[in-house]
mmCIF file of all heavy atoms, coordinates in Angstrom:
data_MODEL
# 
_entry.id   MODEL 
# 
loop_
_atom_site.group_PDB 
_atom_site.id 
_atom_site.type_symbol 
_atom_site.label_atom_id 
_atom_site.label_alt_id 
_atom_site.label_comp_id 
_atom_site.label_asym_id 
_atom_site.label_entity_id 
_atom_site.label_seq_id 
_atom_site.pdbx_PDB_ins_code 
_atom_site.Cartn_x 
_atom_site.Cartn_y 
_atom_site.Cartn_z 
_atom_site.occupancy 
_atom_site.B_iso_or_equiv 
_atom_site.pdbx_formal_charge 
_atom_site.auth_seq_id 
_atom_site.auth_comp_id 
_atom_site.auth_asym_id 
_atom_site.auth_atom_id 
_atom_site.pdbx_PDB_model_num 
ATOM 1   N N   . ARG A 1 1  ? 0.836  -1.209 0.000   1.00 0.00 ? 1  ARG A N   1 
ATOM 2   C CA  . ARG A 1 1  ? 0.000  0.000  0.000   1.00 0.00 ? 1  ARG A CA  1 
ATOM 3   C C   . ARG A 1 1  ? 0.868  1.256  0.000   1.00 0.00 ? 1  ARG A C   1 
ATOM 4   O O   . ARG A 1 1  ? 0.573  2.230  -0.689  1.00 0.00 ? 1  ARG A O   1 
ATOM 5   C CB  . ARG A 1 1  ? -0.917 0.017  1.219   1.00 0.00 ? 1  ARG A CB  1 
ATOM 6   C CG  . ARG A 1 1  ? -2.108 -0.855 1.106   1.00 0.00 ? 1  ARG A CG  1 
ATOM 7   C CD  . ARG A 1 1  ? -2.998 -0.680 2.311   1.00 0.00 ? 1  ARG A CD  1 
ATOM 8   N NE  . ARG A 1 1  ? -4.018 -1.701 2.347   1.00 0.00 ? 1  ARG A NE  1 
ATOM 9   C CZ  . ARG A 1 1  ? -4.801 -1.931 3.389   1.00 0.00 ? 1  ARG A CZ  1 
ATOM 10  N NH1 . ARG A 1 1  ? -4.656 -1.214 4.492   1.00 0.00 ? 1  ARG A NH1 1 
ATOM 11  N NH2 . ARG A 1 1  ? -5.714 -2.859 3.338   1.00 0.00 ? 1  ARG A NH2 1 
ATOM 12  N N   . GLU A 1 2  ? 1.932  1.227  0.817   1.00 0.00 ? 2  GLU A N   1 
ATOM 13  C CA  . GLU A 1 2  ? 2.831  2.383  0.892   1.00 0.00 ? 2  GLU A CA  1 
ATOM 14  C C   . GLU A 1 2  ? 3.517  2.630  -0.463  1.00 0.00 ? 2  GLU A C   1 
ATOM 15  O O   . GLU A 1 2  ? 3.634  3.774  -0.904  1.00 0.00 ? 2  GLU A O   1 
ATOM 16  C CB  . GLU A 1 2  ? 3.884  2.139  1.981   1.00 0.00 ? 2  GLU A CB  1 
ATOM 17  C CG  . GLU A 1 2  ? 4.787  3.329  2.241   1.00 0.00 ? 2  GLU A CG  1 
ATOM 18  C CD  . GLU A 1 2  ? 4.040  4.516  2.801   1.00 0.00 ? 2  GLU A CD  1 
ATOM 19  O OE1 . GLU A 1 2  ? 3.029  4.325  3.519   1.00 0.00 ? 2  GLU A OE1 1 
ATOM 20  O OE2 . GLU A 1 2  ? 4.454  5.643  2.512   1.00 0.00 ? 2  GLU A OE2 1 
ATOM 21  N N   . ARG A 1 3  ? 3.946  1.550  -1.145  1.00 0.00 ? 3  ARG A N   1 
ATOM 22  C CA  . ARG A 1 3  ? 4.563  1.695  -2.462  1.00 0.00 ? 3  ARG A CA  1 
ATOM 23  C C   . ARG A 1 3  ? 3.582  2.284  -3.476  1.00 0.00 ? 3  ARG A C   1 
ATOM 24  O O   . ARG A 1 3  ? 3.924  3.158  -4.266  1.00 0.00 ? 3  ARG A O   1 
ATOM 25  C CB  . ARG A 1 3  ? 5.064  0.335  -2.954  1.00 0.00 ? 3  ARG A CB  1 
ATOM 26  C CG  . ARG A 1 3  ? 6.492  0.063  -2.548  1.00 0.00 ? 3  ARG A CG  1 
ATOM 27  C CD  . ARG A 1 3  ? 7.018  -1.174 -3.237  1.00 0.00 ? 3  ARG A CD  1 
ATOM 28  N NE  . ARG A 1 3  ? 7.106  -2.200 -2.194  1.00 0.00 ? 3  ARG A NE  1 
ATOM 29  C CZ  . ARG A 1 3  ? 6.660  -3.428 -2.279  1.00 0.00 ? 3  ARG A CZ  1 
ATOM 30  N NH1 . ARG A 1 3  ? 6.106  -3.858 -3.378  1.00 0.00 ? 3  ARG A NH1 1 
ATOM 31  N NH2 . ARG A 1 3  ? 6.762  -4.254 -1.271  1.00 0.00 ? 3  ARG A NH2 1 
ATOM 32  N N   . ARG A 1 4  ? 2.356  1.809  -3.445  1.00 0.00 ? 4  ARG A N   1 
ATOM 33  C CA  . ARG A 1 4  ? 1.346  2.339  -4.365  1.00 0.00 ? 4  ARG A CA  1 
ATOM 34  C C   . ARG A 1 4  ? 1.051  3.809  -4.096  1.00 0.00 ? 4  ARG A C   1 
ATOM 35  O O   . ARG A 1 4  ? 0.909  4.607  -5.016  1.00 0.00 ? 4  ARG A O   1 
ATOM 36  C CB  . ARG A 1 4  ? 0.062  1.523  -4.268  1.00 0.00 ? 4  ARG A CB  1 
ATOM 37  C CG  . ARG A 1 4  ? 0.172  0.166  -4.899  1.00 0.00 ? 4  ARG A CG  1 
ATOM 38  C CD  . ARG A 1 4  ? -1.126 -0.575 -4.832  1.00 0.00 ? 4  ARG A CD  1 
ATOM 39  N NE  . ARG A 1 4  ? -0.971 -1.932 -5.337  1.00 0.00 ? 4  ARG A NE  1 
ATOM 40  C CZ  . ARG A 1 4  ? -1.831 -2.884 -5.172  1.00 0.00 ? 4  ARG A CZ  1 
ATOM 41  N NH1 . ARG A 1 4  ? -2.966 -2.643 -4.506  1.00 0.00 ? 4  ARG A NH1 1 
ATOM 42  N NH2 . ARG A 1 4  ? -1.624 -4.075 -5.665  1.00 0.00 ? 4  ARG A NH2 1 
ATOM 43  N N   . LEU A 1 5  ? 0.928  4.169  -2.816  1.00 0.00 ? 5  LEU A N   1 
ATOM 44  C CA  . LEU A 1 5  ? 0.670  5.555  -2.437  1.00 0.00 ? 5  LEU A CA  1 
ATOM 45  C C   . LEU A 1 5  ? 1.835  6.450  -2.867  1.00 0.00 ? 5  LEU A C   1 
ATOM 46  O O   . LEU A 1 5  ? 1.632  7.546  -3.392  1.00 0.00 ? 5  LEU A O   1 
ATOM 47  C CB  . LEU A 1 5  ? 0.431  5.660  -0.931  1.00 0.00 ? 5  LEU A CB  1 
ATOM 48  C CG  . LEU A 1 5  ? 0.097  7.046  -0.388  1.00 0.00 ? 5  LEU A CG  1 
ATOM 49  C CD1 . LEU A 1 5  ? -1.211 7.533  -0.998  1.00 0.00 ? 5  LEU A CD1 1 
ATOM 50  C CD2 . LEU A 1 5  ? 0.000  7.020  1.125   1.00 0.00 ? 5  LEU A CD2 1 
ATOM 51  N N   . HIS A 1 6  ? 3.061  5.972  -2.656  1.00 0.00 ? 6  HIS A N   1 
ATOM 52  C CA  . HIS A 1 6  ? 4.237  6.735  -3.050  1.00 0.00 ? 6  HIS A CA  1 
ATOM 53  C C   . HIS A 1 6  ? 4.286  6.917  -4.578  1.00 0.00 ? 6  HIS A C   1 
ATOM 54  O O   . HIS A 1 6  ? 4.595  8.006  -5.076  1.00 0.00 ? 6  HIS A O   1 
ATOM 55  C CB  . HIS A 1 6  ? 5.499  6.007  -2.556  1.00 0.00 ? 6  HIS A CB  1 
ATOM 56  C CG  . HIS A 1 6  ? 6.744  6.800  -2.713  1.00 0.00 ? 6  HIS A CG  1 
ATOM 57  N ND1 . HIS A 1 6  ? 6.966  7.996  -2.068  1.00 0.00 ? 6  HIS A ND1 1 
ATOM 58  C CD2 . HIS A 1 6  ? 7.852  6.579  -3.481  1.00 0.00 ? 6  HIS A CD2 1 
ATOM 59  C CE1 . HIS A 1 6  ? 8.141  8.469  -2.423  1.00 0.00 ? 6  HIS A CE1 1 
ATOM 60  N NE2 . HIS A 1 6  ? 8.709  7.622  -3.282  1.00 0.00 ? 6  HIS A NE2 1 
ATOM 61  N N   . ALA A 1 7  ? 3.965  5.870  -5.318  1.00 0.00 ? 7  ALA A N   1 
ATOM 62  C CA  . ALA A 1 7  ? 3.943  5.962  -6.781  1.00 0.00 ? 7  ALA A CA  1 
ATOM 63  C C   . ALA A 1 7  ? 2.870  6.936  -7.254  1.00 0.00 ? 7  ALA A C   1 
ATOM 64  O O   . ALA A 1 7  ? 3.073  7.705  -8.195  1.00 0.00 ? 7  ALA A O   1 
ATOM 65  C CB  . ALA A 1 7  ? 3.717  4.582  -7.389  1.00 0.00 ? 7  ALA A CB  1 
ATOM 66  N N   . LYS A 1 8  ? 1.715  6.895  -6.585  1.00 0.00 ? 8  LYS A N   1 
ATOM 67  C CA  . LYS A 1 8  ? 0.619  7.814  -6.940  1.00 0.00 ? 8  LYS A CA  1 
ATOM 68  C C   . LYS A 1 8  ? 1.031  9.266  -6.687  1.00 0.00 ? 8  LYS A C   1 
ATOM 69  O O   . LYS A 1 8  ? 0.750  10.155 -7.485  1.00 0.00 ? 8  LYS A O   1 
ATOM 70  C CB  . LYS A 1 8  ? -0.624 7.447  -6.136  1.00 0.00 ? 8  LYS A CB  1 
ATOM 71  C CG  . LYS A 1 8  ? -1.878 8.173  -6.590  1.00 0.00 ? 8  LYS A CG  1 
ATOM 72  C CD  . LYS A 1 8  ? -3.046 7.842  -5.694  1.00 0.00 ? 8  LYS A CD  1 
ATOM 73  C CE  . LYS A 1 8  ? -3.899 6.802  -6.363  1.00 0.00 ? 8  LYS A CE  1 
ATOM 74  N NZ  . LYS A 1 8  ? -5.150 6.574  -5.612  1.00 0.00 ? 8  LYS A NZ  1 
ATOM 75  N N   . ARG A 1 9  ? 1.721  9.519  -5.571  1.00 0.00 ? 9  ARG A N   1 
ATOM 76  C CA  . ARG A 1 9  ? 2.184  10.882 -5.260  1.00 0.00 ? 9  ARG A CA  1 
ATOM 77  C C   . ARG A 1 9  ? 3.210  11.354 -6.297  1.00 0.00 ? 9  ARG A C   1 
ATOM 78  O O   . ARG A 1 9  ? 3.166  12.495 -6.739  1.00 0.00 ? 9  ARG A O   1 
ATOM 79  C CB  . ARG A 1 9  ? 2.798  10.920 -3.866  1.00 0.00 ? 9  ARG A CB  1 
ATOM 80  C CG  . ARG A 1 9  ? 1.793  10.895 -2.761  1.00 0.00 ? 9  ARG A CG  1 
ATOM 81  C CD  . ARG A 1 9  ? 2.474  10.984 -1.430  1.00 0.00 ? 9  ARG A CD  1 
ATOM 82  N NE  . ARG A 1 9  ? 1.537  10.717 -0.347  1.00 0.00 ? 9  ARG A NE  1 
ATOM 83  C CZ  . ARG A 1 9  ? 1.888  10.361 0.865   1.00 0.00 ? 9  ARG A CZ  1 
ATOM 84  N NH1 . ARG A 1 9  ? 3.157  10.189 1.169   1.00 0.00 ? 9  ARG A NH1 1 
ATOM 85  N NH2 . ARG A 1 9  ? 0.970  10.147 1.793   1.00 0.00 ? 9  ARG A NH2 1 
ATOM 86  N N   . ASN A 1 10 ? 4.139  10.469 -6.658  1.00 0.00 ? 10 ASN A N   1 
ATOM 87  C CA  . ASN A 1 10 ? 5.144  10.840 -7.657  1.00 0.00 ? 10 ASN A CA  1 
ATOM 88  C C   . ASN A 1 10 ? 4.494  11.155 -8.999  1.00 0.00 ? 10 ASN A C   1 
ATOM 89  O O   . ASN A 1 10 ? 4.892  12.098 -9.693  1.00 0.00 ? 10 ASN A O   1 
ATOM 90  C CB  . ASN A 1 10 ? 6.170  9.717  -7.841  1.00 0.00 ? 10 ASN A CB  1 
ATOM 91  C CG  . ASN A 1 10 ? 7.158  9.657  -6.707  1.00 0.00 ? 10 ASN A CG  1 
ATOM 92  O OD1 . ASN A 1 10 ? 7.300  10.616 -5.954  1.00 0.00 ? 10 ASN A OD1 1 
ATOM 93  N ND2 . ASN A 1 10 ? 7.826  8.526  -6.575  1.00 0.00 ? 10 ASN A ND2 1 
ATOM 94  N N   . LEU A 1 11 ? 3.489  10.374 -9.366  1.00 0.00 ? 11 LEU A N   1 
ATOM 95  C CA  . LEU A 1 11 ? 2.781  10.620 -10.616 1.00 0.00 ? 11 LEU A CA  1 
ATOM 96  C C   . LEU A 1 11 ? 2.058  11.961 -10.579 1.00 0.00 ? 11 LEU A C   1 
ATOM 97  O O   . LEU A 1 11 ? 2.097  12.729 -11.548 1.00 0.00 ? 11 LEU A O   1 
ATOM 98  C CB  . LEU A 1 11 ? 1.791  9.487  -10.887 1.00 0.00 ? 11 LEU A CB  1 
ATOM 99  C CG  . LEU A 1 11 ? 1.042  9.543  -12.212 1.00 0.00 ? 11 LEU A CG  1 
ATOM 100 C CD1 . LEU A 1 11 ? 2.038  9.443  -13.366 1.00 0.00 ? 11 LEU A CD1 1 
ATOM 101 C CD2 . LEU A 1 11 ? 0.039  8.431  -12.295 1.00 0.00 ? 11 LEU A CD2 1 
ATOM 102 N N   . ALA A 1 12 ? 1.407  12.257 -9.460  1.00 0.00 ? 12 ALA A N   1 
ATOM 103 C CA  . ALA A 1 12 ? 0.702  13.535 -9.329  1.00 0.00 ? 12 ALA A CA  1 
ATOM 104 C C   . ALA A 1 12 ? 1.689  14.691 -9.326  1.00 0.00 ? 12 ALA A C   1 
ATOM 105 O O   . ALA A 1 12 ? 1.442  15.748 -9.931  1.00 0.00 ? 12 ALA A O   1 
ATOM 106 C CB  . ALA A 1 12 ? -0.129 13.542 -8.055  1.00 0.00 ? 12 ALA A CB  1 
ATOM 107 N N   . ARG A 1 13 ? 2.843  14.518 -8.681  1.00 0.00 ? 13 ARG A N   1 
ATOM 108 C CA  . ARG A 1 13 ? 3.848  15.573 -8.616  1.00 0.00 ? 13 ARG A CA  1 
ATOM 109 C C   . ARG A 1 13 ? 4.450  15.826 -10.004 1.00 0.00 ? 13 ARG A C   1 
ATOM 110 O O   . ARG A 1 13 ? 4.695  16.956 -10.389 1.00 0.00 ? 13 ARG A O   1 
ATOM 111 C CB  . ARG A 1 13 ? 4.948  15.172 -7.635  1.00 0.00 ? 13 ARG A CB  1 
ATOM 112 C CG  . ARG A 1 13 ? 5.882  16.319 -7.300  1.00 0.00 ? 13 ARG A CG  1 
ATOM 113 C CD  . ARG A 1 13 ? 6.942  15.911 -6.288  1.00 0.00 ? 13 ARG A CD  1 
ATOM 114 N NE  . ARG A 1 13 ? 6.347  15.350 -5.094  1.00 0.00 ? 13 ARG A NE  1 
ATOM 115 C CZ  . ARG A 1 13 ? 6.845  14.314 -4.416  1.00 0.00 ? 13 ARG A CZ  1 
ATOM 116 N NH1 . ARG A 1 13 ? 7.953  13.742 -4.822  1.00 0.00 ? 13 ARG A NH1 1 
ATOM 117 N NH2 . ARG A 1 13 ? 6.242  13.865 -3.331  1.00 0.00 ? 13 ARG A NH2 1 
ATOM 118 N N   . SER A 1 14 ? 4.689  14.766 -10.756 1.00 0.00 ? 14 SER A N   1 
ATOM 119 C CA  . SER A 1 14 ? 5.270  14.945 -12.090 1.00 0.00 ? 14 SER A CA  1 
ATOM 120 C C   . SER A 1 14 ? 4.254  15.533 -13.065 1.00 0.00 ? 14 SER A C   1 
ATOM 121 O O   . SER A 1 14 ? 4.631  16.198 -14.020 1.00 0.00 ? 14 SER A O   1 
ATOM 122 C CB  . SER A 1 14 ? 5.799  13.615 -12.622 1.00 0.00 ? 14 SER A CB  1 
ATOM 123 O OG  . SER A 1 14 ? 4.720  12.736 -12.863 1.00 0.00 ? 14 SER A OG  1 
ATOM 124 N N   . ALA A 1 15 ? 2.985  15.270 -12.851 1.00 0.00 ? 15 ALA A N   1 
ATOM 125 C CA  . ALA A 1 15 ? 1.961  15.790 -13.750 1.00 0.00 ? 15 ALA A CA  1 
ATOM 126 C C   . ALA A 1 15 ? 1.610  17.240 -13.464 1.00 0.00 ? 15 ALA A C   1 
ATOM 127 O O   . ALA A 1 15 ? 1.045  17.924 -14.309 1.00 0.00 ? 15 ALA A O   1 
ATOM 128 C CB  . ALA A 1 15 ? 0.702  14.935 -13.669 1.00 0.00 ? 15 ALA A CB  1 
ATOM 129 N N   . ALA A 1 16 ? 1.927  17.713 -12.285 1.00 0.00 ? 16 ALA A N   1 
ATOM 130 C CA  . ALA A 1 16 ? 1.558  19.080 -11.901 1.00 0.00 ? 16 ALA A CA  1 
ATOM 131 C C   . ALA A 1 16 ? 2.451  20.099 -12.607 1.00 0.00 ? 16 ALA A C   1 
ATOM 132 O O   . ALA A 1 16 ? 3.624  19.846 -12.863 1.00 0.00 ? 16 ALA A O   1 
ATOM 133 C CB  . ALA A 1 16 ? 1.669  19.254 -10.393 1.00 0.00 ? 16 ALA A CB  1 
ATOM 134 N N   . PHE A 1 17 ? 1.882  21.253 -12.960 1.00 0.00 ? 17 PHE A N   1 
ATOM 135 C CA  . PHE A 1 17 ? 2.622  22.345 -13.580 1.00 0.00 ? 17 PHE A CA  1 
ATOM 136 C C   . PHE A 1 17 ? 3.061  23.288 -12.481 1.00 0.00 ? 17 PHE A C   1 
ATOM 137 O O   . PHE A 1 17 ? 2.243  23.952 -11.838 1.00 0.00 ? 17 PHE A O   1 
ATOM 138 C CB  . PHE A 1 17 ? 1.729  23.120 -14.555 1.00 0.00 ? 17 PHE A CB  1 
ATOM 139 C CG  . PHE A 1 17 ? 1.483  22.395 -15.841 1.00 0.00 ? 17 PHE A CG  1 
ATOM 140 C CD1 . PHE A 1 17 ? 0.418  21.532 -15.981 1.00 0.00 ? 17 PHE A CD1 1 
ATOM 141 C CD2 . PHE A 1 17 ? 2.336  22.582 -16.907 1.00 0.00 ? 17 PHE A CD2 1 
ATOM 142 C CE1 . PHE A 1 17 ? 0.194  20.879 -17.162 1.00 0.00 ? 17 PHE A CE1 1 
ATOM 143 C CE2 . PHE A 1 17 ? 2.109  21.927 -18.102 1.00 0.00 ? 17 PHE A CE2 1 
ATOM 144 C CZ  . PHE A 1 17 ? 1.049  21.071 -18.233 1.00 0.00 ? 17 PHE A CZ  1 
ATOM 145 N N   . ASP A 1 18 ? 4.350  23.416 -12.279 1.00 0.00 ? 18 ASP A N   1 
ATOM 146 C CA  . ASP A 1 18 ? 4.800  24.414 -11.335 1.00 0.00 ? 18 ASP A CA  1 
ATOM 147 C C   . ASP A 1 18 ? 5.122  25.701 -12.096 1.00 0.00 ? 18 ASP A C   1 
ATOM 148 O O   . ASP A 1 18 ? 5.106  25.742 -13.308 1.00 0.00 ? 18 ASP A O   1 
ATOM 149 C CB  . ASP A 1 18 ? 5.999  23.909 -10.528 1.00 0.00 ? 18 ASP A CB  1 
ATOM 150 C CG  . ASP A 1 18 ? 7.181  23.533 -11.390 1.00 0.00 ? 18 ASP A CG  1 
ATOM 151 O OD1 . ASP A 1 18 ? 6.969  23.364 -12.602 1.00 0.00 ? 18 ASP A OD1 1 
ATOM 152 O OD2 . ASP A 1 18 ? 8.297  23.420 -10.860 1.00 0.00 ? 18 ASP A OD2 1 
ATOM 153 N N   . ARG A 1 19 ? 5.414  26.760 -11.392 1.00 0.00 ? 19 ARG A N   1 
ATOM 154 C CA  . ARG A 1 19 ? 5.572  28.077 -11.984 1.00 0.00 ? 19 ARG A CA  1 
ATOM 155 C C   . ARG A 1 19 ? 6.765  28.133 -12.950 1.00 0.00 ? 19 ARG A C   1 
ATOM 156 O O   . ARG A 1 19 ? 6.685  28.720 -14.026 1.00 0.00 ? 19 ARG A O   1 
ATOM 157 C CB  . ARG A 1 19 ? 5.735  29.100 -10.870 1.00 0.00 ? 19 ARG A CB  1 
ATOM 158 C CG  . ARG A 1 19 ? 5.426  30.505 -11.274 1.00 0.00 ? 19 ARG A CG  1 
ATOM 159 C CD  . ARG A 1 19 ? 5.436  31.398 -10.088 1.00 0.00 ? 19 ARG A CD  1 
ATOM 160 N NE  . ARG A 1 19 ? 4.225  31.158 -9.296  1.00 0.00 ? 19 ARG A NE  1 
ATOM 161 C CZ  . ARG A 1 19 ? 3.518  32.098 -8.735  1.00 0.00 ? 19 ARG A CZ  1 
ATOM 162 N NH1 . ARG A 1 19 ? 3.910  33.335 -8.822  1.00 0.00 ? 19 ARG A NH1 1 
ATOM 163 N NH2 . ARG A 1 19 ? 2.439  31.819 -8.057  1.00 0.00 ? 19 ARG A NH2 1 
ATOM 164 N N   . GLY A 1 20 ? 7.874  27.529 -12.594 1.00 0.00 ? 20 GLY A N   1 
ATOM 165 C CA  . GLY A 1 20 ? 9.067  27.547 -13.449 1.00 0.00 ? 20 GLY A CA  1 
ATOM 166 C C   . GLY A 1 20 ? 8.818  26.849 -14.771 1.00 0.00 ? 20 GLY A C   1 
ATOM 167 O O   . GLY A 1 20 ? 9.243  27.328 -15.832 1.00 0.00 ? 20 GLY A O   1 
ATOM 168 N N   . TYR A 1 21 ? 8.150  25.712 -14.707 1.00 0.00 ? 21 TYR A N   1 
ATOM 169 C CA  . TYR A 1 21 ? 7.846  24.982 -15.934 1.00 0.00 ? 21 TYR A CA  1 
ATOM 170 C C   . TYR A 1 21 ? 6.903  25.781 -16.814 1.00 0.00 ? 21 TYR A C   1 
ATOM 171 O O   . TYR A 1 21 ? 7.029  25.786 -18.035 1.00 0.00 ? 21 TYR A O   1 
ATOM 172 C CB  . TYR A 1 21 ? 7.253  23.614 -15.597 1.00 0.00 ? 21 TYR A CB  1 
ATOM 173 C CG  . TYR A 1 21 ? 6.964  22.770 -16.798 1.00 0.00 ? 21 TYR A CG  1 
ATOM 174 C CD1 . TYR A 1 21 ? 7.995  22.240 -17.564 1.00 0.00 ? 21 TYR A CD1 1 
ATOM 175 C CD2 . TYR A 1 21 ? 5.658  22.522 -17.193 1.00 0.00 ? 21 TYR A CD2 1 
ATOM 176 C CE1 . TYR A 1 21 ? 7.741  21.472 -18.677 1.00 0.00 ? 21 TYR A CE1 1 
ATOM 177 C CE2 . TYR A 1 21 ? 5.384  21.747 -18.312 1.00 0.00 ? 21 TYR A CE2 1 
ATOM 178 C CZ  . TYR A 1 21 ? 6.430  21.231 -19.045 1.00 0.00 ? 21 TYR A CZ  1 
ATOM 179 O OH  . TYR A 1 21 ? 6.166  20.473 -20.149 1.00 0.00 ? 21 TYR A OH  1 
ATOM 180 N N   . LEU A 1 22 ? 5.950  26.469 -16.196 1.00 0.00 ? 22 LEU A N   1 
ATOM 181 C CA  . LEU A 1 22 ? 5.006  27.277 -16.956 1.00 0.00 ? 22 LEU A CA  1 
ATOM 182 C C   . LEU A 1 22 ? 5.717  28.439 -17.647 1.00 0.00 ? 22 LEU A C   1 
ATOM 183 O O   . LEU A 1 22 ? 5.432  28.738 -18.811 1.00 0.00 ? 22 LEU A O   1 
ATOM 184 C CB  . LEU A 1 22 ? 3.906  27.788 -16.021 1.00 0.00 ? 22 LEU A CB  1 
ATOM 185 C CG  . LEU A 1 22 ? 2.705  28.453 -16.675 1.00 0.00 ? 22 LEU A CG  1 
ATOM 186 C CD1 . LEU A 1 22 ? 2.017  27.478 -17.606 1.00 0.00 ? 22 LEU A CD1 1 
ATOM 187 C CD2 . LEU A 1 22 ? 1.745  28.943 -15.619 1.00 0.00 ? 22 LEU A CD2 1 
ATOM 188 N N   . VAL A 1 23 ? 6.665  29.072 -16.962 1.00 0.00 ? 23 VAL A N   1 
ATOM 189 C CA  . VAL A 1 23 ? 7.434  30.168 -17.569 1.00 0.00 ? 23 VAL A CA  1 
ATOM 190 C C   . VAL A 1 23 ? 8.273  29.633 -18.728 1.00 0.00 ? 23 VAL A C   1 
ATOM 191 O O   . VAL A 1 23 ? 8.340  30.231 -19.806 1.00 0.00 ? 23 VAL A O   1 
ATOM 192 C CB  . VAL A 1 23 ? 8.318  30.860 -16.508 1.00 0.00 ? 23 VAL A CB  1 
ATOM 193 C CG1 . VAL A 1 23 ? 9.330  31.804 -17.152 1.00 0.00 ? 23 VAL A CG1 1 
ATOM 194 C CG2 . VAL A 1 23 ? 7.448  31.608 -15.511 1.00 0.00 ? 23 VAL A CG2 1 
ATOM 195 N N   . TYR A 1 24 ? 8.925  28.486 -18.516 1.00 0.00 ? 24 TYR A N   1 
ATOM 196 C CA  . TYR A 1 24 ? 9.729  27.868 -19.572 1.00 0.00 ? 24 TYR A CA  1 
ATOM 197 C C   . TYR A 1 24 ? 8.872  27.535 -20.781 1.00 0.00 ? 24 TYR A C   1 
ATOM 198 O O   . TYR A 1 24 ? 9.243  27.813 -21.917 1.00 0.00 ? 24 TYR A O   1 
ATOM 199 C CB  . TYR A 1 24 ? 10.407 26.621 -19.022 1.00 0.00 ? 24 TYR A CB  1 
ATOM 200 C CG  . TYR A 1 24 ? 11.048 25.764 -20.073 1.00 0.00 ? 24 TYR A CG  1 
ATOM 201 C CD1 . TYR A 1 24 ? 12.236 26.146 -20.678 1.00 0.00 ? 24 TYR A CD1 1 
ATOM 202 C CD2 . TYR A 1 24 ? 10.458 24.578 -20.474 1.00 0.00 ? 24 TYR A CD2 1 
ATOM 203 C CE1 . TYR A 1 24 ? 12.822 25.366 -21.659 1.00 0.00 ? 24 TYR A CE1 1 
ATOM 204 C CE2 . TYR A 1 24 ? 11.033 23.788 -21.455 1.00 0.00 ? 24 TYR A CE2 1 
ATOM 205 C CZ  . TYR A 1 24 ? 12.221 24.181 -22.039 1.00 0.00 ? 24 TYR A CZ  1 
ATOM 206 O OH  . TYR A 1 24 ? 12.787 23.404 -23.001 1.00 0.00 ? 24 TYR A OH  1 
# 
């Protein structure tokens, strides 16, 4: 469960647009 939750968080973090990426 912990591995799945960690993978889900990493996927959500990589999919999110942060400000620097948006400027780039």
